[in-house]
Amino acid sequence: GKFRSKPWDALLAEARHLVAGGAVELNLIAEDTNQYGMDKRDGRGLAHLLRELGQLEGLRWIRILYAYPSYFTQELVEEIASNPKVCKYIDMPLQHISNLVLLAM
């Protein structure tokens, strides 16, 4: 189906609950994580989410899994670079670089 972002308030409430329960790392996982918020069109995308999550006391790491290069913004790159809680690597499913590889799968 269509890409749908988890509602902002629900996502932050879940993150706060997990951190309050002792979680020190949050993994953000989606079919294409860096598209977060694009369907909402309220200006709160992945960069804003990372900034908000970075303020959670007790949280040490945020990992972004399954990000595609086509939706990176300068704002997202800058947030990843400047937010000390965001792990400094990008998990990209490289099989999507080639239709032949996808067909073979």
C-alpha atoms as a PDB file:
ATOM      1  CA  GLY A   1       0.000   0.000   0.000  1.00  0.00           C
ATOM      2  CA  LYS A   2       0.893   3.644   0.157  1.00  0.00           C
ATOM      3  CA  PHE A   3       3.626   4.926   2.430  1.00  0.00           C
ATOM      4  CA  ARG A   4       2.140   6.070   5.774  1.00  0.00           C
ATOM      5  CA  SER A   5       4.078   7.697   8.578  1.00  0.00           C
ATOM      6  CA  LYS A   6       3.328   6.699  12.139  1.00  0.00           C
ATOM      7  CA  PRO A   7       1.609   9.668  13.807  1.00  0.00           C
ATOM      8  CA  TRP A   8       4.072  12.116  15.379  1.00  0.00           C
ATOM      9  CA  ASP A   9       2.571  12.131  18.878  1.00  0.00           C
ATOM     10  CA  ALA A  10       2.233   8.336  19.005  1.00  0.00           C
ATOM     11  CA  LEU A  11       5.813   7.862  17.855  1.00  0.00           C
ATOM     12  CA  LEU A  12       7.213  10.262  20.450  1.00  0.00           C
ATOM     13  CA  ALA A  13       5.041   8.751  23.194  1.00  0.00           C
ATOM     14  CA  GLU A  14       6.344   5.283  22.321  1.00  0.00           C
ATOM     15  CA  ALA A  15       9.947   6.522  22.306  1.00  0.00           C
ATOM     16  CA  ARG A  16       9.523   8.213  25.692  1.00  0.00           C
ATOM     17  CA  HIS A  17       7.937   5.058  27.106  1.00  0.00           C
ATOM     18  CA  LEU A  18      10.779   2.864  25.838  1.00  0.00           C
ATOM     19  CA  VAL A  19      13.487   5.177  27.189  1.00  0.00           C
ATOM     20  CA  ALA A  20      11.685   5.506  30.538  1.00  0.00           C
ATOM     21  CA  GLY A  21      11.681   1.701  30.662  1.00  0.00           C
ATOM     22  CA  GLY A  22      15.456   1.575  30.252  1.00  0.00           C
ATOM     23  CA  ALA A  23      16.015   1.486  26.483  1.00  0.00           C
ATOM     24  CA  VAL A  24      19.246   3.249  25.531  1.00  0.00           C
ATOM     25  CA  GLU A  25      18.945   2.752  21.769  1.00  0.00           C
ATOM     26  CA  LEU A  26      16.108   3.322  19.339  1.00  0.00           C
ATOM     27  CA  ASN A  27      16.117   1.806  15.857  1.00  0.00           C
ATOM     28  CA  LEU A  28      14.044   3.667  13.300  1.00  0.00           C
ATOM     29  CA  ILE A  29      12.961   1.110  10.707  1.00  0.00           C
ATOM     30  CA  ALA A  30      10.674   1.507   7.722  1.00  0.00           C
ATOM     31  CA  GLU A  31      10.491   0.546   4.080  1.00  0.00           C
ATOM     32  CA  ASP A  32      12.178   3.903   3.402  1.00  0.00           C
ATOM     33  CA  THR A  33      12.862   5.592   6.724  1.00  0.00           C
ATOM     34  CA  ASN A  34      14.024   8.905   5.323  1.00  0.00           C
ATOM     35  CA  GLN A  35      10.578   9.438   3.788  1.00  0.00           C
ATOM     36  CA  TYR A  36       9.151   9.811   7.301  1.00  0.00           C
ATOM     37  CA  GLY A  37       6.611  12.635   7.388  1.00  0.00           C
ATOM     38  CA  MET A  38       6.458  13.264   3.642  1.00  0.00           C
ATOM     39  CA  ASP A  39       2.891  11.967   3.520  1.00  0.00           C
ATOM     40  CA  LYS A  40       1.808  14.331   6.320  1.00  0.00           C
ATOM     41  CA  ARG A  41       3.100  17.500   4.667  1.00  0.00           C
ATOM     42  CA  ASP A  42       3.291  19.299   8.019  1.00  0.00           C
ATOM     43  CA  GLY A  43       7.010  20.025   7.789  1.00  0.00           C
ATOM     44  CA  ARG A  44       7.987  17.443  10.394  1.00  0.00           C
ATOM     45  CA  GLY A  45      10.219  14.968   8.636  1.00  0.00           C
ATOM     46  CA  LEU A  46      12.968  12.636   9.737  1.00  0.00           C
ATOM     47  CA  ALA A  47      15.362  15.476  10.572  1.00  0.00           C
ATOM     48  CA  HIS A  48      12.805  16.949  12.959  1.00  0.00           C
ATOM     49  CA  LEU A  49      12.139  13.541  14.484  1.00  0.00           C
ATOM     50  CA  LEU A  50      15.855  12.937  15.065  1.00  0.00           C
ATOM     51  CA  ARG A  51      16.167  16.363  16.690  1.00  0.00           C
ATOM     52  CA  GLU A  52      13.230  15.636  19.011  1.00  0.00           C
ATOM     53  CA  LEU A  53      14.433  12.135  19.903  1.00  0.00           C
ATOM     54  CA  GLY A  54      17.912  13.510  20.556  1.00  0.00           C
ATOM     55  CA  GLN A  55      16.484  15.468  23.487  1.00  0.00           C
ATOM     56  CA  LEU A  56      15.361  12.359  25.359  1.00  0.00           C
ATOM     57  CA  GLU A  57      17.308  12.044  28.593  1.00  0.00           C
ATOM     58  CA  GLY A  58      18.823   8.585  28.923  1.00  0.00           C
ATOM     59  CA  LEU A  59      18.772   7.773  25.225  1.00  0.00           C
ATOM     60  CA  ARG A  60      22.276   7.109  23.888  1.00  0.00           C
ATOM     61  CA  TRP A  61      21.867   5.980  20.282  1.00  0.00           C
ATOM     62  CA  ILE A  62      19.475   6.361  17.376  1.00  0.00           C
ATOM     63  CA  ARG A  63      19.955   4.111  14.339  1.00  0.00           C
ATOM     64  CA  ILE A  64      18.374   4.741  10.952  1.00  0.00           C
ATOM     65  CA  LEU A  65      17.730   1.534   9.043  1.00  0.00           C
ATOM     66  CA  TYR A  66      16.671   1.228   5.416  1.00  0.00           C
ATOM     67  CA  ALA A  67      17.204   4.669   3.971  1.00  0.00           C
ATOM     68  CA  TYR A  68      17.315   5.306   0.253  1.00  0.00           C
ATOM     69  CA  PRO A  69      19.567   7.984  -1.242  1.00  0.00           C
ATOM     70  CA  SER A  70      16.766   9.588  -3.256  1.00  0.00           C
ATOM     71  CA  TYR A  71      15.113  11.288  -0.262  1.00  0.00           C
ATOM     72  CA  PHE A  72      18.052  12.789   1.590  1.00  0.00           C
ATOM     73  CA  THR A  73      17.760  16.503   2.232  1.00  0.00           C
ATOM     74  CA  GLN A  74      20.495  18.843   3.332  1.00  0.00           C
ATOM     75  CA  GLU A  75      18.603  19.301   6.591  1.00  0.00           C
ATOM     76  CA  LEU A  76      18.644  15.538   7.211  1.00  0.00           C
ATOM     77  CA  VAL A  77      22.352  15.240   6.435  1.00  0.00           C
ATOM     78  CA  GLU A  78      23.118  18.126   8.800  1.00  0.00           C
ATOM     79  CA  GLU A  79      20.981  16.638  11.585  1.00  0.00           C
ATOM     80  CA  ILE A  80      22.674  13.251  11.271  1.00  0.00           C
ATOM     81  CA  ALA A  81      26.075  14.942  11.355  1.00  0.00           C
ATOM     82  CA  SER A  82      25.348  17.226  14.293  1.00  0.00           C
ATOM     83  CA  ASN A  83      23.161  15.075  16.537  1.00  0.00           C
ATOM     84  CA  PRO A  84      25.491  13.172  18.884  1.00  0.00           C
ATOM     85  CA  LYS A  85      22.902  10.440  19.469  1.00  0.00           C
ATOM     86  CA  VAL A  86      22.488   9.502  15.805  1.00  0.00           C
ATOM     87  CA  CYS A  87      24.821   6.681  14.755  1.00  0.00           C
ATOM     88  CA  LYS A  88      27.069   7.940  11.971  1.00  0.00           C
ATOM     89  CA  TYR A  89      26.287   5.444   9.272  1.00  0.00           C
ATOM     90  CA  ILE A  90      23.399   4.930   6.886  1.00  0.00           C
ATOM     91  CA  ASP A  91      21.940   1.480   6.304  1.00  0.00           C
ATOM     92  CA  MET A  92      20.988   1.371   2.611  1.00  0.00           C
ATOM     93  CA  PRO A  93      19.568  -1.744   0.967  1.00  0.00           C
ATOM     94  CA  LEU A  94      22.029  -1.914  -1.926  1.00  0.00           C
ATOM     95  CA  GLN A  95      20.034  -4.492  -3.850  1.00  0.00           C
ATOM     96  CA  HIS A  96      17.804  -1.634  -4.995  1.00  0.00           C
ATOM     97  CA  ILE A  97      20.636  -0.175  -7.021  1.00  0.00           C
ATOM     98  CA  SER A  98      19.900  -2.693  -9.769  1.00  0.00           C
ATOM     99  CA  ASN A  99      16.632  -4.019 -11.160  1.00  0.00           C
ATOM    100  CA  LEU A 100      18.483  -7.164 -12.233  1.00  0.00           C
ATOM    101  CA  VAL A 101      19.501  -7.857  -8.652  1.00  0.00           C
ATOM    102  CA  LEU A 102      15.923  -7.342  -7.483  1.00  0.00           C
ATOM    103  CA  LEU A 103      14.620  -9.700 -10.169  1.00  0.00           C
ATOM    104  CA  ALA A 104      17.150 -12.328  -9.160  1.00  0.00           C
ATOM    105  CA  MET A 105      15.947 -12.112  -5.561  1.00  0.00           C
END
